[in-house]
Protein backbone atom coordinates (compact mmCIF):
# COMPACT_ATOMS: atom_id res chain seq x y z
CA LEU A 1 66.88 116.48 121.02
CA ALA A 2 69.28 117.63 123.53
CA PRO A 3 69.09 116.62 127.15
CA GLY A 4 68.49 119.72 128.68
CA ALA A 5 65.86 120.31 125.80
CA PHE A 6 63.45 117.40 127.04
CA ALA A 7 61.39 118.48 129.95
CA GLN A 8 60.15 120.93 127.70
CA SER A 9 59.72 119.07 124.98
CA ILE A 10 57.65 116.94 127.36
CA PHE A 11 56.23 120.36 128.76
CA ASP A 12 54.37 121.30 125.28
CA GLU A 13 53.61 118.26 124.28
CA ALA A 14 51.51 117.70 127.54
CA ARG A 15 49.99 120.90 127.13
CA ALA A 16 48.86 120.71 123.58
CA ARG A 17 47.42 117.37 123.97
CA GLY A 18 45.35 118.30 126.99
CA PHE A 19 47.12 116.67 130.28
CA GLU A 20 46.43 118.92 132.50
CA ASP A 21 49.03 116.85 135.10
CA GLY A 22 51.35 117.19 132.81
CA VAL A 23 50.97 120.94 132.49
CA LYS A 24 50.96 121.00 136.10
CA LEU A 25 54.10 119.57 136.90
CA GLY A 26 55.27 122.70 134.96
CA VAL A 27 58.86 122.51 133.54
CA GLN A 28 60.71 122.41 136.30
CA GLY A 29 58.70 119.70 137.81
CA TRP A 30 59.63 117.61 134.49
CA ALA A 31 63.63 118.62 134.34
CA GLU A 32 63.11 117.31 138.18
CA LEU A 33 61.15 114.10 137.76
CA LEU A 34 63.81 113.18 134.49
CA ARG A 35 66.59 113.73 136.49
CA THR A 36 65.76 111.62 139.19
CA ILE A 37 64.88 108.58 137.21
CA GLY A 38 67.32 109.36 134.99
CA GLY A 39 70.06 107.40 136.62
CA HIS A 40 72.30 104.98 134.36
CA SER A 41 72.24 102.80 137.26
CA ILE A 42 71.76 98.53 136.25
CA ARG A 43 69.38 96.85 139.10
CA PRO A 44 69.89 93.42 140.06
CA SER A 45 67.13 92.32 140.25
CA MET A 46 65.70 93.14 136.88
CA VAL A 47 68.97 91.29 135.64
CA THR A 48 68.07 88.45 137.13
CA ALA A 49 64.74 89.02 135.50
CA ILE A 50 65.87 89.37 132.20
CA ARG A 51 68.18 85.74 132.58
CA ARG A 52 64.86 84.46 133.72
CA LEU A 53 62.62 85.33 131.29
CA ARG A 54 65.06 84.33 128.82
CA GLU A 55 66.43 80.91 130.55
CA ALA A 56 61.88 80.09 130.28
CA GLY A 57 62.16 80.85 126.16
CA PHE A 58 60.85 84.32 125.93
CA THR A 59 62.05 86.92 123.54
CA VAL A 60 63.61 89.63 125.23
CA ALA A 61 63.32 93.62 123.92
CA ALA A 62 64.39 97.02 125.84
CA LEU A 63 62.62 100.22 123.99
CA THR A 64 64.34 103.46 125.53
CA ASN A 65 63.95 106.65 126.34
CA ASN A 66 67.64 107.42 126.59
CA PHE A 67 70.17 109.95 125.83
CA SER A 68 73.97 109.43 125.16
CA PRO A 69 76.10 111.72 126.10
CA SER A 70 77.27 114.21 124.31
CA ASP A 71 81.02 113.95 125.81
CA PRO A 72 82.82 110.65 123.48
CA ALA A 73 84.86 109.12 127.28
CA ALA A 74 81.95 109.54 128.76
CA ARG A 75 79.56 107.52 126.51
CA ALA A 76 82.10 104.94 125.50
CA ALA A 77 81.80 104.68 129.87
CA LEU A 78 78.33 103.88 129.27
CA GLU A 79 78.42 101.86 126.90
CA GLN A 80 81.23 99.37 128.43
CA GLU A 81 79.51 100.00 131.88
CA GLN A 82 75.90 99.08 130.17
CA ALA A 83 77.65 96.36 127.38
CA PRO A 84 77.07 93.09 130.01
CA VAL A 85 73.40 93.92 130.21
CA ARG A 86 72.75 94.94 126.97
CA SER A 87 73.83 90.99 125.32
CA LEU A 88 70.30 89.27 127.40
CA PHE A 89 67.87 90.97 124.78
CA HIS A 90 67.63 90.00 121.41
CA ALA A 91 66.82 93.31 120.46
CA PHE A 92 67.86 96.67 122.11
CA VAL A 93 65.72 99.43 120.78
CA GLU A 94 67.26 103.32 122.03
CA SER A 95 65.37 106.41 121.03
CA ALA A 96 69.43 108.02 121.16
CA VAL A 97 70.25 106.22 118.07
CA VAL A 98 66.71 105.82 116.17
CA GLY A 99 65.95 109.48 117.18
CA LEU A 100 62.62 108.85 118.37
CA ARG A 101 61.73 108.73 121.98
CA LYS A 102 57.69 106.30 122.96
CA PRO A 103 54.43 107.25 123.68
């Protein structure tokens, strides 16, 4: 699923499942929400929390609903930026890689 089609897909799913709030949001509302939460910034407080969980002996995994940039240079830059954080997880499952998104 291409990033540009995601808002329409979420809207269609909300309508098919009878999720009224999701339908009320509309395609444009979903697109705006995705723009708002779709940043790739790394949150230092989350990195600290993940490190503490590992140090306490927990197995730590990530399950994403992400998109891989279509531009190879942008994808490489994003992967380089995220590498230190990804290495903190025992498992890292990406929707862009497995071809499925979580509910």
